[in-house]
């Protein structure tokens, strides 16, 4: 709802926070910075955003594996398909739910 009210600005902020949280959870020594995720998504008209969603699912799964939790191998495909059909916000919500479980 806030994304609609703020004309997409909150969506960009949410993407930034998701990217940052995925980097923290995975423990990746060389993660993609959240600012770069936003910039590359804008420059490539959203195509990099699709790639990032798939990659972020792997980062979340790595965080789950590090904590001994059950890993969902299909999450990346689900996030990608949702984004391709214009439902990126649903992918963000699912990712946020998984990150909240890890917190």
N, C-alpha and C. Protein backbone atom coordinates (compact mmCIF):
# COMPACT_ATOMS: atom_id res chain seq x y z
N UNK A 1 0.82 -1.18 0.00
CA UNK A 1 0.00 0.00 0.00
C UNK A 1 0.87 1.26 0.00
N UNK A 2 1.93 1.25 0.81
CA UNK A 2 2.79 2.42 0.85
C UNK A 2 3.49 2.67 -0.49
N UNK A 3 3.76 1.61 -1.22
CA UNK A 3 4.39 1.77 -2.53
C UNK A 3 3.47 2.55 -3.46
N UNK A 4 2.19 2.28 -3.41
CA UNK A 4 1.23 3.00 -4.26
C UNK A 4 1.10 4.45 -3.80
N UNK A 5 0.98 4.66 -2.51
CA UNK A 5 0.81 6.01 -1.97
C UNK A 5 2.04 6.89 -2.25
N UNK A 6 3.22 6.29 -2.20
CA UNK A 6 4.46 7.07 -2.39
C UNK A 6 4.96 7.03 -3.83
N UNK A 7 4.12 6.57 -4.75
CA UNK A 7 4.47 6.52 -6.19
C UNK A 7 5.73 5.69 -6.45
N UNK A 8 5.91 4.62 -5.72
CA UNK A 8 7.02 3.71 -5.97
C UNK A 8 8.27 3.94 -5.14
N UNK A 9 8.33 5.06 -4.45
CA UNK A 9 9.55 5.36 -3.67
C UNK A 9 9.73 4.35 -2.54
N UNK A 10 8.66 3.98 -1.87
CA UNK A 10 8.78 3.00 -0.80
C UNK A 10 9.21 1.65 -1.36
N UNK A 11 8.77 1.31 -2.56
CA UNK A 11 9.19 0.05 -3.18
C UNK A 11 10.69 0.00 -3.40
N UNK A 12 11.26 1.13 -3.79
CA UNK A 12 12.71 1.20 -3.97
C UNK A 12 13.42 1.05 -2.63
N UNK A 13 12.89 1.70 -1.60
CA UNK A 13 13.47 1.59 -0.26
C UNK A 13 13.37 0.14 0.23
N UNK A 14 12.24 -0.50 -0.01
CA UNK A 14 12.04 -1.89 0.41
C UNK A 14 13.03 -2.80 -0.30
N UNK A 15 13.25 -2.59 -1.61
CA UNK A 15 14.23 -3.37 -2.35
C UNK A 15 15.63 -3.17 -1.76
N UNK A 16 15.97 -1.94 -1.41
CA UNK A 16 17.27 -1.65 -0.80
C UNK A 16 17.42 -2.44 0.50
N UNK A 17 16.41 -2.40 1.34
CA UNK A 17 16.46 -3.11 2.63
C UNK A 17 16.52 -4.63 2.43
N UNK A 18 15.76 -5.15 1.47
CA UNK A 18 15.81 -6.59 1.20
C UNK A 18 17.20 -7.02 0.75
N UNK A 19 17.79 -6.24 -0.15
CA UNK A 19 19.13 -6.58 -0.64
C UNK A 19 20.14 -6.55 0.50
N UNK A 20 20.03 -5.56 1.36
CA UNK A 20 20.95 -5.44 2.49
C UNK A 20 20.76 -6.62 3.46
N UNK A 21 19.51 -6.96 3.75
CA UNK A 21 19.25 -8.07 4.67
C UNK A 21 19.69 -9.41 4.09
N UNK A 22 19.49 -9.62 2.80
CA UNK A 22 19.94 -10.86 2.16
C UNK A 22 21.46 -10.98 2.25
N UNK A 23 22.16 -9.87 2.06
CA UNK A 23 23.62 -9.89 2.17
C UNK A 23 24.06 -10.25 3.58
N UNK A 24 23.37 -9.70 4.58
CA UNK A 24 23.73 -9.98 5.97
C UNK A 24 23.45 -11.43 6.34
N UNK A 25 22.31 -11.94 5.90
CA UNK A 25 21.89 -13.30 6.26
C UNK A 25 22.80 -14.35 5.65
N UNK A 26 23.20 -14.13 4.40
CA UNK A 26 23.97 -15.15 3.69
C UNK A 26 25.42 -15.25 4.16
N UNK A 27 25.94 -14.16 4.69
CA UNK A 27 27.35 -14.17 5.07
C UNK A 27 28.27 -14.17 3.87
N UNK A 28 27.76 -13.74 2.73
CA UNK A 28 28.54 -13.70 1.48
C UNK A 28 29.69 -12.72 1.65
N UNK A 29 30.94 -13.14 1.40
CA UNK A 29 32.08 -12.24 1.58
C UNK A 29 32.16 -11.14 0.52
N UNK A 30 31.51 -11.34 -0.63
CA UNK A 30 31.56 -10.35 -1.70
C UNK A 30 30.16 -10.11 -2.26
N UNK A 31 29.26 -9.52 -1.45
CA UNK A 31 27.88 -9.35 -1.91
C UNK A 31 27.72 -8.15 -2.83
N UNK A 32 26.63 -8.14 -3.58
CA UNK A 32 26.28 -6.98 -4.40
C UNK A 32 25.65 -5.94 -3.48
N UNK A 33 26.13 -4.71 -3.55
CA UNK A 33 25.60 -3.67 -2.67
C UNK A 33 24.15 -3.36 -3.05
N UNK A 34 23.33 -3.00 -2.07
CA UNK A 34 21.93 -2.69 -2.35
C UNK A 34 21.77 -1.53 -3.34
N UNK A 35 22.63 -0.55 -3.27
CA UNK A 35 22.57 0.56 -4.21
C UNK A 35 22.83 0.11 -5.63
N UNK A 36 23.74 -0.83 -5.79
CA UNK A 36 24.04 -1.37 -7.12
C UNK A 36 22.87 -2.18 -7.66
N UNK A 37 22.17 -2.90 -6.78
CA UNK A 37 20.98 -3.66 -7.20
C UNK A 37 19.94 -2.71 -7.78
N UNK A 38 19.71 -1.60 -7.09
CA UNK A 38 18.72 -0.62 -7.57
C UNK A 38 19.19 0.02 -8.87
N UNK A 39 20.44 0.44 -8.92
CA UNK A 39 20.96 1.09 -10.12
C UNK A 39 20.91 0.17 -11.33
N UNK A 40 21.38 -1.06 -11.18
CA UNK A 40 21.37 -2.00 -12.30
C UNK A 40 19.95 -2.38 -12.71
N UNK A 41 19.04 -2.44 -11.76
CA UNK A 41 17.64 -2.72 -12.10
C UNK A 41 17.04 -1.60 -12.93
N UNK A 42 17.38 -0.37 -12.59
CA UNK A 42 16.87 0.78 -13.34
C UNK A 42 17.49 0.82 -14.73
N UNK A 43 18.81 0.64 -14.80
CA UNK A 43 19.52 0.73 -16.08
C UNK A 43 19.08 -0.36 -17.05
N UNK A 44 18.81 -1.56 -16.54
CA UNK A 44 18.42 -2.67 -17.41
C UNK A 44 16.90 -2.81 -17.54
N UNK A 45 16.17 -1.80 -17.12
CA UNK A 45 14.70 -1.81 -17.20
C UNK A 45 14.09 -3.00 -16.46
N UNK A 46 14.66 -3.37 -15.35
CA UNK A 46 14.11 -4.41 -14.50
C UNK A 46 14.66 -5.80 -14.71
N UNK A 47 15.41 -6.02 -15.76
CA UNK A 47 15.91 -7.37 -16.04
C UNK A 47 16.90 -7.81 -14.96
N UNK A 48 17.77 -6.90 -14.52
CA UNK A 48 18.69 -7.27 -13.44
C UNK A 48 17.92 -7.57 -12.17
N UNK A 49 16.81 -6.90 -11.96
CA UNK A 49 15.97 -7.17 -10.79
C UNK A 49 15.48 -8.61 -10.77
N UNK A 50 15.17 -9.16 -11.95
CA UNK A 50 14.76 -10.56 -12.03
C UNK A 50 15.92 -11.46 -11.63
N UNK A 51 17.11 -11.16 -12.16
CA UNK A 51 18.30 -11.95 -11.82
C UNK A 51 18.56 -11.86 -10.32
N UNK A 52 18.43 -10.66 -9.77
CA UNK A 52 18.69 -10.48 -8.34
C UNK A 52 17.71 -11.27 -7.48
N UNK A 53 16.44 -11.31 -7.88
CA UNK A 53 15.46 -12.09 -7.12
C UNK A 53 15.88 -13.55 -7.04
N UNK A 54 16.33 -14.09 -8.16
CA UNK A 54 16.78 -15.48 -8.18
C UNK A 54 18.01 -15.65 -7.28
N UNK A 55 18.94 -14.72 -7.38
CA UNK A 55 20.16 -14.77 -6.57
C UNK A 55 19.85 -14.60 -5.08
N UNK A 56 18.92 -13.71 -4.77
CA UNK A 56 18.56 -13.46 -3.37
C UNK A 56 17.95 -14.70 -2.73
N UNK A 57 17.20 -15.48 -3.50
CA UNK A 57 16.65 -16.73 -2.97
C UNK A 57 17.79 -17.65 -2.55
N UNK A 58 18.85 -17.69 -3.33
CA UNK A 58 20.02 -18.48 -2.96
C UNK A 58 20.69 -17.97 -1.69
N UNK A 59 20.73 -16.64 -1.55
CA UNK A 59 21.31 -16.06 -0.33
C UNK A 59 20.46 -16.41 0.89
N UNK A 60 19.16 -16.35 0.75
CA UNK A 60 18.28 -16.70 1.86
C UNK A 60 18.44 -18.18 2.20
N UNK A 61 18.52 -19.01 1.17
CA UNK A 61 18.73 -20.44 1.42
C UNK A 61 20.06 -20.70 2.11
N UNK A 62 21.09 -19.93 1.75
CA UNK A 62 22.39 -20.07 2.42
C UNK A 62 22.27 -19.70 3.90
N UNK A 63 21.53 -18.63 4.17
CA UNK A 63 21.30 -18.24 5.57
C UNK A 63 20.54 -19.30 6.33
N UNK A 64 19.56 -19.92 5.68
CA UNK A 64 18.80 -21.00 6.33
C UNK A 64 19.72 -22.19 6.60
N UNK A 65 20.53 -22.56 5.63
CA UNK A 65 21.44 -23.69 5.80
C UNK A 65 22.43 -23.43 6.92
N UNK A 66 22.91 -22.19 7.03
CA UNK A 66 23.85 -21.83 8.10
C UNK A 66 23.21 -21.98 9.47
N UNK A 67 21.90 -21.83 9.55
CA UNK A 67 21.18 -21.91 10.82
C UNK A 67 20.53 -23.28 11.04
N UNK A 68 20.74 -24.20 10.11
CA UNK A 68 20.19 -25.54 10.25
C UNK A 68 18.71 -25.64 9.94
N UNK A 69 18.19 -24.70 9.18
CA UNK A 69 16.77 -24.71 8.82
C UNK A 69 16.57 -25.41 7.48
N UNK A 70 15.34 -25.79 7.19
CA UNK A 70 14.99 -26.45 5.94
C UNK A 70 15.12 -25.46 4.78
N UNK A 71 15.79 -25.87 3.71
CA UNK A 71 16.05 -25.01 2.56
C UNK A 71 15.02 -25.30 1.47
N UNK A 72 14.48 -24.23 0.84
CA UNK A 72 13.52 -24.36 -0.24
C UNK A 72 14.24 -24.11 -1.56
N UNK A 73 14.50 -25.16 -2.31
CA UNK A 73 15.25 -25.05 -3.55
C UNK A 73 14.49 -24.41 -4.70
N UNK A 74 13.18 -24.31 -4.59
CA UNK A 74 12.37 -23.75 -5.67
C UNK A 74 12.03 -22.28 -5.47
N UNK A 75 12.47 -21.68 -4.39
CA UNK A 75 12.10 -20.30 -4.09
C UNK A 75 12.56 -19.34 -5.18
N UNK A 76 13.75 -19.54 -5.71
CA UNK A 76 14.26 -18.65 -6.75
C UNK A 76 13.39 -18.67 -7.99
N UNK A 77 12.93 -19.84 -8.38
CA UNK A 77 12.05 -19.96 -9.55
C UNK A 77 10.72 -19.28 -9.28
N UNK A 78 10.19 -19.48 -8.08
CA UNK A 78 8.90 -18.86 -7.73
C UNK A 78 9.03 -17.34 -7.78
N UNK A 79 10.08 -16.79 -7.17
CA UNK A 79 10.27 -15.33 -7.17
C UNK A 79 10.42 -14.81 -8.59
N UNK A 80 11.17 -15.52 -9.41
CA UNK A 80 11.41 -15.11 -10.80
C UNK A 80 10.12 -15.14 -11.62
N UNK A 81 9.36 -16.19 -11.52
CA UNK A 81 8.11 -16.30 -12.29
C UNK A 81 7.13 -15.22 -11.86
N UNK A 82 7.02 -14.98 -10.56
CA UNK A 82 6.13 -13.92 -10.08
C UNK A 82 6.55 -12.56 -10.65
N UNK A 83 7.84 -12.30 -10.65
CA UNK A 83 8.33 -11.02 -11.15
C UNK A 83 8.09 -10.88 -12.65
N UNK A 84 8.28 -11.94 -13.40
CA UNK A 84 8.06 -11.89 -14.84
C UNK A 84 6.60 -11.56 -15.15
N UNK A 85 5.69 -12.05 -14.34
CA UNK A 85 4.27 -11.77 -14.54
C UNK A 85 3.82 -10.48 -13.85
N UNK A 86 4.76 -9.64 -13.43
CA UNK A 86 4.43 -8.34 -12.88
C UNK A 86 4.07 -8.34 -11.41
N UNK A 87 4.41 -9.39 -10.71
CA UNK A 87 4.08 -9.49 -9.29
C UNK A 87 5.33 -9.47 -8.41
N UNK A 88 6.23 -8.56 -8.73
CA UNK A 88 7.46 -8.46 -7.94
C UNK A 88 7.17 -8.17 -6.48
N UNK A 89 6.13 -7.40 -6.23
CA UNK A 89 5.80 -7.06 -4.85
C UNK A 89 5.45 -8.31 -4.04
N UNK A 90 4.87 -9.31 -4.69
CA UNK A 90 4.57 -10.57 -4.02
C UNK A 90 5.88 -11.30 -3.70
N UNK A 91 6.82 -11.25 -4.64
CA UNK A 91 8.14 -11.85 -4.39
C UNK A 91 8.81 -11.16 -3.21
N UNK A 92 8.73 -9.84 -3.17
CA UNK A 92 9.32 -9.09 -2.06
C UNK A 92 8.68 -9.51 -0.73
N UNK A 93 7.36 -9.67 -0.74
CA UNK A 93 6.66 -10.04 0.49
C UNK A 93 7.07 -11.45 0.94
N UNK A 94 7.19 -12.38 0.00
CA UNK A 94 7.62 -13.73 0.35
C UNK A 94 9.04 -13.73 0.89
N UNK A 95 9.91 -12.94 0.26
CA UNK A 95 11.29 -12.84 0.75
C UNK A 95 11.32 -12.23 2.14
N UNK A 96 10.53 -11.19 2.35
CA UNK A 96 10.49 -10.54 3.66
C UNK A 96 10.03 -11.52 4.73
N UNK A 97 9.07 -12.36 4.40
CA UNK A 97 8.59 -13.37 5.34
C UNK A 97 9.72 -14.34 5.71
N UNK A 98 10.47 -14.78 4.72
CA UNK A 98 11.59 -15.70 5.00
C UNK A 98 12.67 -15.02 5.82
N UNK A 99 12.96 -13.76 5.51
CA UNK A 99 13.98 -13.02 6.28
C UNK A 99 13.51 -12.79 7.71
N UNK A 100 12.22 -12.55 7.90
CA UNK A 100 11.69 -12.39 9.26
C UNK A 100 11.83 -13.67 10.07
N UNK A 101 11.67 -14.82 9.41
CA UNK A 101 11.86 -16.10 10.11
C UNK A 101 13.30 -16.28 10.54
N UNK A 102 14.24 -15.73 9.76
CA UNK A 102 15.65 -15.86 10.09
C UNK A 102 16.12 -14.88 11.16
N UNK A 103 15.34 -13.82 11.37
CA UNK A 103 15.75 -12.78 12.32
C UNK A 103 15.64 -13.25 13.76
